[in-house]
Amino acid sequence: MISKSTIECDDTYEAEKLAAFFVNQKDESTLIKTAKNWENELIITLGDKSSHCIVLGNELSALRLKTIIHQILDGKAKLSECRIEGSVIHIEYFLK
């Protein structure tokens, strides 16, 4: 089943930063977990143990993104498409 979500980021820079984390370029840049969300911010950790803050447009987008990332990392979903329109990211993923 294909699911689609729209994630509102604080600005275009945050959207581009988030989209880059979904692209597996190298093992050390692979997204490995979400650490915490606080209001409209989500902390993510990469394979190289670095942590990064993504500032989203609102708390709902932060919770929605955290849920999608957990589904992907738990093997319950697979990312299909991620595209940016300004400060908004459109994510398509297959639920297993």
Protein backbone atom coordinates (compact mmCIF):
# COMPACT_ATOMS: atom_id res chain seq x y z
CA MET A 1 0.00 0.00 0.00
CA ILE A 2 1.38 3.41 -0.96
CA SER A 3 1.15 6.19 1.62
CA LYS A 4 1.76 9.86 0.98
CA SER A 5 2.61 12.53 3.54
CA THR A 6 3.31 16.21 3.36
CA ILE A 7 5.85 17.58 5.82
CA GLU A 8 6.06 21.33 6.35
CA CYS A 9 9.54 22.57 7.18
CA ASP A 10 10.38 25.95 8.72
CA ASP A 11 12.01 27.13 5.47
CA THR A 12 13.56 25.92 2.22
CA TYR A 13 16.95 25.26 3.85
CA GLU A 14 15.39 22.89 6.41
CA ALA A 15 13.48 21.10 3.63
CA GLU A 16 16.66 20.61 1.60
CA LYS A 17 18.55 19.41 4.68
CA LEU A 18 15.83 16.89 5.50
CA ALA A 19 15.65 15.60 1.94
CA ALA A 20 19.42 15.05 1.95
CA PHE A 21 19.11 12.73 4.96
CA PHE A 22 16.70 10.52 3.03
CA VAL A 23 19.30 9.96 0.30
CA ASN A 24 21.76 7.23 1.28
CA GLN A 25 25.03 8.53 -0.11
CA LYS A 26 27.41 6.63 2.18
CA ASP A 27 27.07 4.38 5.19
CA GLU A 28 28.11 7.13 7.60
CA SER A 29 25.45 9.51 6.28
CA THR A 30 22.65 6.97 6.67
CA LEU A 31 19.84 7.97 8.98
CA ILE A 32 19.82 5.55 11.92
CA LYS A 33 17.38 6.99 14.47
CA THR A 34 15.33 9.89 15.69
CA ALA A 35 16.52 11.02 19.07
CA LYS A 36 13.80 13.34 20.28
CA ASN A 37 11.25 15.80 19.12
CA TRP A 38 10.44 18.98 20.96
CA GLU A 39 7.56 21.04 19.67
CA ASN A 40 8.42 21.63 16.00
CA GLU A 41 12.01 20.33 16.13
CA LEU A 42 13.21 16.78 15.49
CA ILE A 43 16.70 15.55 16.37
CA ILE A 44 18.02 12.79 14.10
CA THR A 45 21.19 10.72 14.40
CA LEU A 46 23.26 9.46 11.49
CA GLY A 47 25.50 6.42 11.13
CA ASP A 48 28.57 8.51 11.95
CA LYS A 49 26.94 9.27 15.35
CA SER A 50 26.41 12.95 14.46
CA SER A 51 23.09 14.51 15.49
CA HIS A 52 21.18 17.10 13.51
CA CYS A 53 18.17 19.24 14.26
CA ILE A 54 15.42 19.63 11.67
CA VAL A 55 13.11 22.59 12.28
CA LEU A 56 9.64 21.88 10.97
CA GLY A 57 6.72 24.18 10.31
CA ASN A 58 4.65 22.88 13.21
CA GLU A 59 4.48 20.17 15.87
CA LEU A 60 2.18 17.97 13.77
CA SER A 61 4.76 17.81 10.97
CA ALA A 62 7.44 16.85 13.52
CA LEU A 63 5.32 14.00 14.86
CA ARG A 64 4.33 12.86 11.36
CA LEU A 65 7.98 12.83 10.25
CA LYS A 66 9.08 10.94 13.35
CA THR A 67 6.43 8.28 12.68
CA ILE A 68 7.48 7.89 9.03
CA ILE A 69 11.17 7.59 9.95
CA HIS A 70 10.39 4.96 12.60
CA GLN A 71 8.34 2.93 10.10
CA ILE A 72 11.21 3.04 7.59
CA LEU A 73 13.88 2.19 10.16
CA ASP A 74 11.77 -0.65 11.63
CA GLY A 75 11.37 -2.17 8.15
CA LYS A 76 7.60 -1.55 8.11
CA ALA A 77 7.87 0.92 5.23
CA LYS A 78 10.16 1.65 2.30
CA LEU A 79 10.77 5.12 0.92
CA SER A 80 9.56 5.49 -2.65
CA GLU A 81 9.86 9.20 -3.43
CA CYS A 82 10.86 12.40 -1.69
CA ARG A 83 10.44 15.74 -3.45
CA ILE A 84 10.69 19.34 -2.35
CA GLU A 85 8.35 22.23 -3.16
CA GLY A 86 9.74 25.28 -1.39
CA SER A 87 9.61 24.52 2.33
CA VAL A 88 7.33 21.50 1.90
CA ILE A 89 8.50 17.90 1.41
CA HIS A 90 6.22 15.34 -0.22
CA ILE A 91 7.10 11.80 0.86
CA GLU A 92 5.75 8.61 -0.73
CA TYR A 93 6.44 5.30 0.92
CA PHE A 94 5.26 1.71 0.69
CA LEU A 95 3.81 0.17 3.84
CA LYS A 96 4.63 -3.51 4.16
